[in-house]
Amino acid sequence: MQLPLQRLGSGQAKRRQGGLRHLEVKDYQPLVKVVNAWFGGRHVSYLLQRSFFEHFRPTSFAIEKEGEILGFLIGYRSQTITNKAYIHFVAINPDYQGQGIGRRLYQHFFEGAIKLGCTEVSAITSPVNKKSIAFHTHMGFEILPGDAEVDAIPNFV
């Protein structure tokens, strides 16, 4: 999925204070322990590497309330295509879904990507994750052609 950042326009992603911070290495273990449950029991924790929490810290964020992480985003600027940013993983505690946490994380990431000179953001999601596909398309992402299909959704194998 891909989103050209020039579609956002200046000022569309509002800066909000409180509760939003960078991910830290100390967040890795607690999040790995809960993320599979957040995905309804799907095994997704293998997609999280401790090194992401260290090396992608400037472009990876968490929203927390009273010390509890409600959602997080791991992203980075491409080292190869420097005008492109990539969202690798996003998870929201199911008890807090539908409250704008995902949108807030994405908007904050978009703001940072623009400051880094990026004009495009790509994201990955599973073709079986219909809620994620709907969220991304609602946010303006376009599904890219793949080399296979799963449930009529383009997929890369």
Protein backbone atom coordinates (compact mmCIF):
# COMPACT_ATOMS: atom_id res chain seq x y z
CA MET A 1 0.00 0.00 0.00
CA GLN A 2 1.29 3.42 -0.86
CA LEU A 3 0.37 7.01 -0.05
CA PRO A 4 1.84 10.08 -1.77
CA LEU A 5 2.41 12.59 1.03
CA GLN A 6 1.73 15.60 -1.16
CA ARG A 7 -1.97 14.67 -0.86
CA LEU A 8 -1.94 15.56 2.82
CA GLY A 9 -1.37 19.28 2.33
CA SER A 10 0.31 21.39 4.94
CA GLY A 11 -1.20 21.41 8.38
CA GLN A 12 -3.61 18.53 7.81
CA ALA A 13 -1.85 16.33 10.34
CA LYS A 14 -2.39 18.24 13.59
CA ARG A 15 0.22 18.19 16.33
CA ARG A 16 -1.18 16.90 19.59
CA GLN A 17 0.48 16.86 22.95
CA GLY A 18 0.29 14.31 25.74
CA GLY A 19 0.44 10.59 25.52
CA LEU A 20 2.46 10.38 22.30
CA ARG A 21 6.14 9.53 22.57
CA HIS A 22 8.94 7.67 20.81
CA LEU A 23 9.13 3.91 21.24
CA GLU A 24 12.00 2.81 23.44
CA VAL A 25 13.94 -0.43 23.83
CA LYS A 26 12.24 -0.95 27.21
CA ASP A 27 8.90 -1.22 25.34
CA TYR A 28 9.97 -4.28 23.35
CA GLN A 29 9.34 -7.08 25.89
CA PRO A 30 5.98 -5.81 27.18
CA LEU A 31 4.65 -5.31 23.64
CA VAL A 32 5.89 -8.66 22.32
CA LYS A 33 3.99 -10.30 25.18
CA VAL A 34 0.62 -8.73 24.23
CA VAL A 35 0.70 -8.12 20.50
CA ASN A 36 -0.51 -11.59 19.45
CA ALA A 37 -3.56 -11.14 21.70
CA TRP A 38 -4.14 -7.69 20.20
CA PHE A 39 -4.34 -9.42 16.80
CA GLY A 40 -6.94 -11.92 17.99
CA GLY A 41 -4.41 -14.70 18.60
CA ARG A 42 -2.68 -14.40 15.21
CA HIS A 43 1.06 -14.98 15.58
CA VAL A 44 2.53 -11.60 14.61
CA SER A 45 5.12 -11.00 17.33
CA TYR A 46 7.86 -12.42 15.09
CA LEU A 47 7.50 -9.24 13.00
CA LEU A 48 8.82 -7.19 15.92
CA GLN A 49 12.56 -7.15 16.42
CA ARG A 50 14.23 -5.54 19.43
CA SER A 51 16.56 -3.68 17.07
CA PHE A 52 13.56 -1.81 15.57
CA PHE A 53 12.87 -0.27 18.99
CA GLU A 54 16.45 0.98 19.12
CA HIS A 55 17.36 1.93 15.56
CA PHE A 56 13.99 3.19 14.30
CA ARG A 57 13.27 5.17 17.45
CA PRO A 58 13.19 8.61 15.74
CA THR A 59 10.33 7.46 13.47
CA SER A 60 8.52 5.00 15.77
CA PHE A 61 5.90 6.06 18.27
CA ALA A 62 3.62 4.93 21.08
CA ILE A 63 0.49 6.43 22.56
CA GLU A 64 0.08 5.72 26.23
CA LYS A 65 -2.29 6.56 29.03
CA GLU A 66 -1.26 6.28 32.66
CA GLY A 67 1.81 4.24 31.69
CA GLU A 68 -0.10 1.75 29.51
CA ILE A 69 0.69 1.64 25.80
CA LEU A 70 -2.59 1.83 23.88
CA GLY A 71 -1.03 1.59 20.42
CA PHE A 72 2.26 1.89 18.60
CA LEU A 73 3.77 2.36 15.15
CA ILE A 74 7.17 1.25 13.88
CA GLY A 75 8.34 3.07 10.79
CA TYR A 76 11.45 4.40 9.12
CA ARG A 77 12.81 6.43 6.24
CA SER A 78 14.19 4.31 3.44
CA GLN A 79 17.98 4.28 3.30
CA THR A 80 17.81 3.38 -0.41
CA ILE A 81 14.99 5.59 -1.68
CA THR A 82 15.44 8.62 0.55
CA ASN A 83 12.18 10.34 -0.40
CA LYS A 84 10.20 7.31 0.78
CA ALA A 85 9.15 6.32 4.28
CA TYR A 86 7.83 2.93 5.33
CA ILE A 87 5.42 1.86 8.05
CA HIS A 88 6.44 -1.64 9.08
CA PHE A 89 4.08 -2.44 11.96
CA VAL A 90 1.15 -0.87 13.78
CA ALA A 91 -0.87 -2.32 16.63
CA ILE A 92 -3.69 -0.88 18.71
CA ASN A 93 -5.01 -2.50 21.88
CA PRO A 94 -8.48 -3.78 20.84
CA ASP A 95 -10.03 -2.08 23.89
CA TYR A 96 -9.02 1.28 22.35
CA GLN A 97 -9.61 0.68 18.64
CA GLY A 98 -11.92 3.12 16.89
CA GLN A 99 -10.83 6.04 19.08
CA GLY A 100 -8.45 7.69 16.60
CA ILE A 101 -5.22 6.23 17.99
CA GLY A 102 -4.15 4.70 14.68
CA ARG A 103 -4.95 7.89 12.78
CA ARG A 104 -3.00 9.94 15.33
CA LEU A 105 0.04 7.66 15.04
CA TYR A 106 -0.06 7.79 11.25
CA GLN A 107 -0.47 11.57 11.15
CA HIS A 108 2.48 12.01 13.50
CA PHE A 109 4.57 9.68 11.33
CA PHE A 110 3.54 11.61 8.19
CA GLU A 111 4.63 14.89 9.79
CA GLY A 112 8.04 13.42 10.62
CA ALA A 113 8.42 11.89 7.16
CA ILE A 114 7.72 15.25 5.51
CA LYS A 115 10.38 16.89 7.71
CA LEU A 116 12.82 14.21 6.53
CA GLY A 117 12.10 15.12 2.90
CA CYS A 118 9.85 12.15 2.13
CA THR A 119 7.12 12.52 -0.46
CA GLU A 120 5.68 9.02 -0.22
CA VAL A 121 4.84 6.49 2.48
CA SER A 122 4.41 2.76 2.00
CA ALA A 123 2.86 0.36 4.47
CA ILE A 124 2.39 -3.37 4.60
CA THR A 125 -0.57 -5.33 5.85
CA SER A 126 -1.82 -8.87 5.58
CA PRO A 127 -4.41 -9.64 2.90
CA VAL A 128 -6.47 -11.42 5.58
CA ASN A 129 -6.56 -8.31 7.80
CA LYS A 130 -9.66 -6.64 6.35
CA LYS A 131 -9.85 -4.02 9.12
CA SER A 132 -6.30 -2.91 8.33
CA ILE A 133 -6.98 -2.75 4.60
CA ALA A 134 -10.10 -0.65 5.22
CA PHE A 135 -8.15 1.66 7.57
CA HIS A 136 -5.33 2.15 5.07
CA THR A 137 -7.62 2.84 2.13
CA HIS A 138 -9.63 5.26 4.29
CA MET A 139 -6.34 7.04 5.11
CA GLY A 140 -5.69 7.42 1.38
CA PHE A 141 -3.33 4.52 0.72
CA GLU A 142 -3.62 2.71 -2.59
CA ILE A 143 -3.25 -1.06 -2.90
CA LEU A 144 -0.36 -1.82 -5.23
CA PRO A 145 -0.41 -4.65 -7.76
CA GLY A 146 1.16 -7.87 -6.52
CA ASP A 147 2.34 -11.10 -8.08
CA ALA A 148 -0.51 -13.14 -6.54
CA GLU A 149 -3.91 -12.64 -4.93
CA VAL A 150 -5.44 -13.69 -1.62
CA ASP A 151 -9.20 -13.13 -1.31
CA ALA A 152 -9.01 -10.87 -4.40
CA ILE A 153 -6.39 -8.66 -2.68
CA PRO A 154 -3.04 -8.25 -4.51
CA ASN A 155 -0.25 -9.93 -2.60
CA PHE A 156 3.49 -10.39 -2.90
CA VAL A 157 4.76 -13.94 -2.43
